[in-house]
Amino acid sequence: MTQTFIAQLSNAGKARTNEAIKELLELDILARWKPKCRLIHLGHLTHYLKQEIRS
């Protein structure tokens, strides 16, 4: 995942992606941010996105 992708995913500008990255890390959707970001749980990401759509 790139910072641009996370910005799009969270519907935020690049300046606010650090907040989104922190939240995704806390939800165990991502593992490690730097130097490379890795998606670790597609099910958690799907659940997160469904909640974001509803709100």
PDB file of N, CA and C in Angstrom:
ATOM      1  N   MET A   1       0.845  -1.176   0.000  1.00  0.00           N
ATOM      2  CA  MET A   1       0.000   0.000   0.000  1.00  0.00           C
ATOM      3  C   MET A   1       0.886   1.232   0.000  1.00  0.00           C
ATOM      4  N   THR A   2       0.446   2.224  -0.704  1.00  0.00           N
ATOM      5  CA  THR A   2       1.177   3.488  -0.730  1.00  0.00           C
ATOM      6  C   THR A   2       0.407   4.528   0.066  1.00  0.00           C
ATOM      7  N   GLN A   3       1.079   5.626   0.368  1.00  0.00           N
ATOM      8  CA  GLN A   3       0.422   6.719   1.088  1.00  0.00           C
ATOM      9  C   GLN A   3      -0.735   7.263   0.258  1.00  0.00           C
ATOM     10  N   THR A   4      -0.560   7.334  -1.051  1.00  0.00           N
ATOM     11  CA  THR A   4      -1.631   7.820  -1.931  1.00  0.00           C
ATOM     12  C   THR A   4      -2.845   6.907  -1.860  1.00  0.00           C
ATOM     13  N   PHE A   5      -2.616   5.592  -1.889  1.00  0.00           N
ATOM     14  CA  PHE A   5      -3.722   4.638  -1.805  1.00  0.00           C
ATOM     15  C   PHE A   5      -4.465   4.783  -0.481  1.00  0.00           C
ATOM     16  N   ILE A   6      -3.730   4.922   0.604  1.00  0.00           N
ATOM     17  CA  ILE A   6      -4.364   5.074   1.918  1.00  0.00           C
ATOM     18  C   ILE A   6      -5.134   6.391   1.987  1.00  0.00           C
ATOM     19  N   ALA A   7      -4.618   7.436   1.375  1.00  0.00           N
ATOM     20  CA  ALA A   7      -5.340   8.711   1.332  1.00  0.00           C
ATOM     21  C   ALA A   7      -6.665   8.540   0.598  1.00  0.00           C
ATOM     22  N   GLN A   8      -6.644   7.820  -0.506  1.00  0.00           N
ATOM     23  CA  GLN A   8      -7.877   7.570  -1.255  1.00  0.00           C
ATOM     24  C   GLN A   8      -8.827   6.684  -0.456  1.00  0.00           C
ATOM     25  N   LEU A   9      -8.282   5.656   0.163  1.00  0.00           N
ATOM     26  CA  LEU A   9      -9.065   4.720   0.949  1.00  0.00           C
ATOM     27  C   LEU A   9      -9.774   5.426   2.096  1.00  0.00           C
ATOM     28  N   SER A  10      -9.084   6.335   2.741  1.00  0.00           N
ATOM     29  CA  SER A  10      -9.665   7.028   3.889  1.00  0.00           C
ATOM     30  C   SER A  10     -10.346   8.329   3.505  1.00  0.00           C
ATOM     31  N   ASN A  11     -10.359   8.620   2.215  1.00  0.00           N
ATOM     32  CA  ASN A  11     -10.990   9.840   1.707  1.00  0.00           C
ATOM     33  C   ASN A  11     -10.402  11.071   2.401  1.00  0.00           C
ATOM     34  N   ALA A  12      -9.074  11.078   2.490  1.00  0.00           N
ATOM     35  CA  ALA A  12      -8.374  12.174   3.152  1.00  0.00           C
ATOM     36  C   ALA A  12      -7.220  12.624   2.274  1.00  0.00           C
ATOM     37  N   GLY A  13      -6.762  13.824   2.494  1.00  0.00           N
ATOM     38  CA  GLY A  13      -5.585  14.310   1.794  1.00  0.00           C
ATOM     39  C   GLY A  13      -4.337  13.652   2.350  1.00  0.00           C
ATOM     40  N   LYS A  14      -3.262  13.752   1.617  1.00  0.00           N
ATOM     41  CA  LYS A  14      -2.013  13.123   2.055  1.00  0.00           C
ATOM     42  C   LYS A  14      -1.572  13.625   3.421  1.00  0.00           C
ATOM     43  N   ALA A  15      -1.873  14.863   3.726  1.00  0.00           N
ATOM     44  CA  ALA A  15      -1.459  15.422   5.020  1.00  0.00           C
ATOM     45  C   ALA A  15      -2.123  14.709   6.185  1.00  0.00           C
ATOM     46  N   ARG A  16      -3.291  14.143   5.982  1.00  0.00           N
ATOM     47  CA  ARG A  16      -4.017  13.471   7.073  1.00  0.00           C
ATOM     48  C   ARG A  16      -3.870  11.962   7.048  1.00  0.00           C
ATOM     49  N   THR A  17      -3.068  11.439   6.110  1.00  0.00           N
ATOM     50  CA  THR A  17      -2.958   9.986   6.022  1.00  0.00           C
ATOM     51  C   THR A  17      -2.263   9.369   7.221  1.00  0.00           C
ATOM     52  N   ASN A  18      -1.420  10.121   7.923  1.00  0.00           N
ATOM     53  CA  ASN A  18      -0.775   9.555   9.105  1.00  0.00           C
ATOM     54  C   ASN A  18      -1.808   9.113  10.139  1.00  0.00           C
ATOM     55  N   GLU A  19      -2.877   9.883  10.267  1.00  0.00           N
ATOM     56  CA  GLU A  19      -3.955   9.496  11.177  1.00  0.00           C
ATOM     57  C   GLU A  19      -4.612   8.203  10.708  1.00  0.00           C
ATOM     58  N   ALA A  20      -4.856   8.112   9.404  1.00  0.00           N
ATOM     59  CA  ALA A  20      -5.473   6.912   8.847  1.00  0.00           C
ATOM     60  C   ALA A  20      -4.548   5.709   8.995  1.00  0.00           C
ATOM     61  N   ILE A  21      -3.262   5.906   8.764  1.00  0.00           N
ATOM     62  CA  ILE A  21      -2.294   4.820   8.903  1.00  0.00           C
ATOM     63  C   ILE A  21      -2.270   4.330  10.347  1.00  0.00           C
ATOM     64  N   LYS A  22      -2.272   5.252  11.286  1.00  0.00           N
ATOM     65  CA  LYS A  22      -2.272   4.878  12.706  1.00  0.00           C
ATOM     66  C   LYS A  22      -3.511   4.050  13.034  1.00  0.00           C
ATOM     67  N   GLU A  23      -4.660   4.478  12.539  1.00  0.00           N
ATOM     68  CA  GLU A  23      -5.894   3.741  12.799  1.00  0.00           C
ATOM     69  C   GLU A  23      -5.840   2.349  12.172  1.00  0.00           C
ATOM     70  N   LEU A  24      -5.344   2.242  10.942  1.00  0.00           N
ATOM     71  CA  LEU A  24      -5.250   0.943  10.277  1.00  0.00           C
ATOM     72  C   LEU A  24      -4.271   0.013  10.991  1.00  0.00           C
ATOM     73  N   LEU A  25      -3.205   0.576  11.525  1.00  0.00           N
ATOM     74  CA  LEU A  25      -2.261  -0.225  12.309  1.00  0.00           C
ATOM     75  C   LEU A  25      -2.915  -0.730  13.594  1.00  0.00           C
ATOM     76  N   GLU A  26      -3.659   0.147  14.277  1.00  0.00           N
ATOM     77  CA  GLU A  26      -4.329  -0.231  15.527  1.00  0.00           C
ATOM     78  C   GLU A  26      -5.398  -1.297  15.301  1.00  0.00           C
ATOM     79  N   LEU A  27      -6.008  -1.292  14.119  1.00  0.00           N
ATOM     80  CA  LEU A  27      -7.052  -2.263  13.803  1.00  0.00           C
ATOM     81  C   LEU A  27      -6.489  -3.565  13.227  1.00  0.00           C
ATOM     82  N   ASP A  28      -5.171  -3.680  13.210  1.00  0.00           N
ATOM     83  CA  ASP A  28      -4.493  -4.864  12.668  1.00  0.00           C
ATOM     84  C   ASP A  28      -4.803  -5.108  11.195  1.00  0.00           C
ATOM     85  N   ILE A  29      -5.059  -4.023  10.478  1.00  0.00           N
ATOM     86  CA  ILE A  29      -5.251  -4.122   9.037  1.00  0.00           C
ATOM     87  C   ILE A  29      -3.898  -4.029   8.346  1.00  0.00           C
ATOM     88  N   LEU A  30      -3.013  -3.228   8.899  1.00  0.00           N
ATOM     89  CA  LEU A  30      -1.671  -3.072   8.365  1.00  0.00           C
ATOM     90  C   LEU A  30      -0.650  -3.586   9.355  1.00  0.00           C
ATOM     91  N   ALA A  31       0.475  -4.030   8.813  1.00  0.00           N
ATOM     92  CA  ALA A  31       1.622  -4.387   9.648  1.00  0.00           C
ATOM     93  C   ALA A  31       2.785  -3.551   9.155  1.00  0.00           C
ATOM     94  N   ARG A  32       3.465  -2.897  10.043  1.00  0.00           N
ATOM     95  CA  ARG A  32       4.607  -2.046   9.711  1.00  0.00           C
ATOM     96  C   ARG A  32       4.223  -0.989   8.684  1.00  0.00           C
ATOM     97  N   TRP A  33       4.646   0.204   8.889  1.00  0.00           N
ATOM     98  CA  TRP A  33       4.395   1.253   7.898  1.00  0.00           C
ATOM     99  C   TRP A  33       5.655   1.537   7.101  1.00  0.00           C
ATOM    100  N   LYS A  34       6.764   1.724   7.768  1.00  0.00           N
ATOM    101  CA  LYS A  34       7.977   2.062   7.022  1.00  0.00           C
ATOM    102  C   LYS A  34       9.015   0.985   7.245  1.00  0.00           C
ATOM    103  N   PRO A  35       9.823   0.619   6.311  1.00  0.00           N
ATOM    104  CA  PRO A  35       9.952   1.175   4.970  1.00  0.00           C
ATOM    105  C   PRO A  35       8.877   0.689   4.009  1.00  0.00           C
ATOM    106  N   LYS A  36       8.273  -0.446   4.301  1.00  0.00           N
ATOM    107  CA  LYS A  36       7.203  -0.924   3.426  1.00  0.00           C
ATOM    108  C   LYS A  36       5.967  -1.203   4.250  1.00  0.00           C
ATOM    109  N   CYS A  37       4.844  -0.957   3.644  1.00  0.00           N
ATOM    110  CA  CYS A  37       3.573  -1.188   4.298  1.00  0.00           C
ATOM    111  C   CYS A  37       3.004  -2.502   3.764  1.00  0.00           C
ATOM    112  N   ARG A  38       2.430  -3.263   4.649  1.00  0.00           N
ATOM    113  CA  ARG A  38       1.921  -4.563   4.265  1.00  0.00           C
ATOM    114  C   ARG A  38       0.500  -4.731   4.783  1.00  0.00           C
ATOM    115  N   LEU A  39      -0.399  -5.138   3.901  1.00  0.00           N
ATOM    116  CA  LEU A  39      -1.768  -5.457   4.289  1.00  0.00           C
ATOM    117  C   LEU A  39      -1.738  -6.831   4.948  1.00  0.00           C
ATOM    118  N   ILE A  40      -2.261  -6.937   6.160  1.00  0.00           N
ATOM    119  CA  ILE A  40      -2.185  -8.233   6.823  1.00  0.00           C
ATOM    120  C   ILE A  40      -3.536  -8.906   7.007  1.00  0.00           C
ATOM    121  N   HIS A  41      -4.613  -8.176   6.916  1.00  0.00           N
ATOM    122  CA  HIS A  41      -5.899  -8.824   7.162  1.00  0.00           C
ATOM    123  C   HIS A  41      -6.980  -8.212   6.276  1.00  0.00           C
ATOM    124  N   LEU A  42      -7.270  -8.882   5.177  1.00  0.00           N
ATOM    125  CA  LEU A  42      -8.264  -8.383   4.233  1.00  0.00           C
ATOM    126  C   LEU A  42      -9.651  -8.333   4.867  1.00  0.00           C
ATOM    127  N   GLY A  43      -9.959  -9.294   5.726  1.00  0.00           N
ATOM    128  CA  GLY A  43     -11.265  -9.298   6.398  1.00  0.00           C
ATOM    129  C   GLY A  43     -11.448  -8.075   7.275  1.00  0.00           C
ATOM    130  N   HIS A  44     -10.417  -7.682   8.008  1.00  0.00           N
ATOM    131  CA  HIS A  44     -10.494  -6.479   8.845  1.00  0.00           C
ATOM    132  C   HIS A  44     -10.659  -5.234   7.969  1.00  0.00           C
ATOM    133  N   LEU A  45      -9.946  -5.196   6.829  1.00  0.00           N
ATOM    134  CA  LEU A  45     -10.075  -4.058   5.919  1.00  0.00           C
ATOM    135  C   LEU A  45     -11.496  -3.970   5.370  1.00  0.00           C
ATOM    136  N   THR A  46     -12.055  -5.092   4.975  1.00  0.00           N
ATOM    137  CA  THR A  46     -13.423  -5.116   4.449  1.00  0.00           C
ATOM    138  C   THR A  46     -14.408  -4.619   5.497  1.00  0.00           C
ATOM    139  N   HIS A  47     -14.269  -5.080   6.730  1.00  0.00           N
ATOM    140  CA  HIS A  47     -15.143  -4.645   7.820  1.00  0.00           C
ATOM    141  C   HIS A  47     -15.009  -3.134   8.054  1.00  0.00           C
ATOM    142  N   TYR A  48     -13.773  -2.652   8.065  1.00  0.00           N
ATOM    143  CA  TYR A  48     -13.506  -1.222   8.252  1.00  0.00           C
ATOM    144  C   TYR A  48     -14.177  -0.396   7.156  1.00  0.00           C
ATOM    145  N   LEU A  49     -14.028  -0.828   5.917  1.00  0.00           N
ATOM    146  CA  LEU A  49     -14.616  -0.090   4.797  1.00  0.00           C
ATOM    147  C   LEU A  49     -16.141  -0.089   4.868  1.00  0.00           C
ATOM    148  N   LYS A  50     -16.730  -1.184   5.255  1.00  0.00           N
ATOM    149  CA  LYS A  50     -18.194  -1.239   5.381  1.00  0.00           C
ATOM    150  C   LYS A  50     -18.673  -0.246   6.439  1.00  0.00           C
ATOM    151  N   GLN A  51     -17.945  -0.160   7.548  1.00  0.00           N
ATOM    152  CA  GLN A  51     -18.318   0.797   8.588  1.00  0.00           C
ATOM    153  C   GLN A  51     -18.176   2.230   8.094  1.00  0.00           C
ATOM    154  N   GLU A  52     -17.132   2.501   7.330  1.00  0.00           N
ATOM    155  CA  GLU A  52     -16.913   3.853   6.809  1.00  0.00           C
ATOM    156  C   GLU A  52     -18.007   4.251   5.836  1.00  0.00           C
ATOM    157  N   ILE A  53     -18.465   3.309   5.052  1.00  0.00           N
ATOM    158  CA  ILE A  53     -19.535   3.583   4.085  1.00  0.00           C
ATOM    159  C   ILE A  53     -20.838   3.910   4.807  1.00  0.00           C
ATOM    160  N   ARG A  54     -21.117   3.201   5.891  1.00  0.00           N
ATOM    161  CA  ARG A  54     -22.350   3.407   6.657  1.00  0.00           C
ATOM    162  C   ARG A  54     -22.379   4.729   7.397  1.00  0.00           C
ATOM    163  N   SER A  55     -21.215   5.246   7.761  1.00  0.00           N
ATOM    164  CA  SER A  55     -21.185   6.476   8.572  1.00  0.00           C
ATOM    165  C   SER A  55     -21.124   7.707   7.728  1.00  0.00           C
TER     166      SER A  55
END
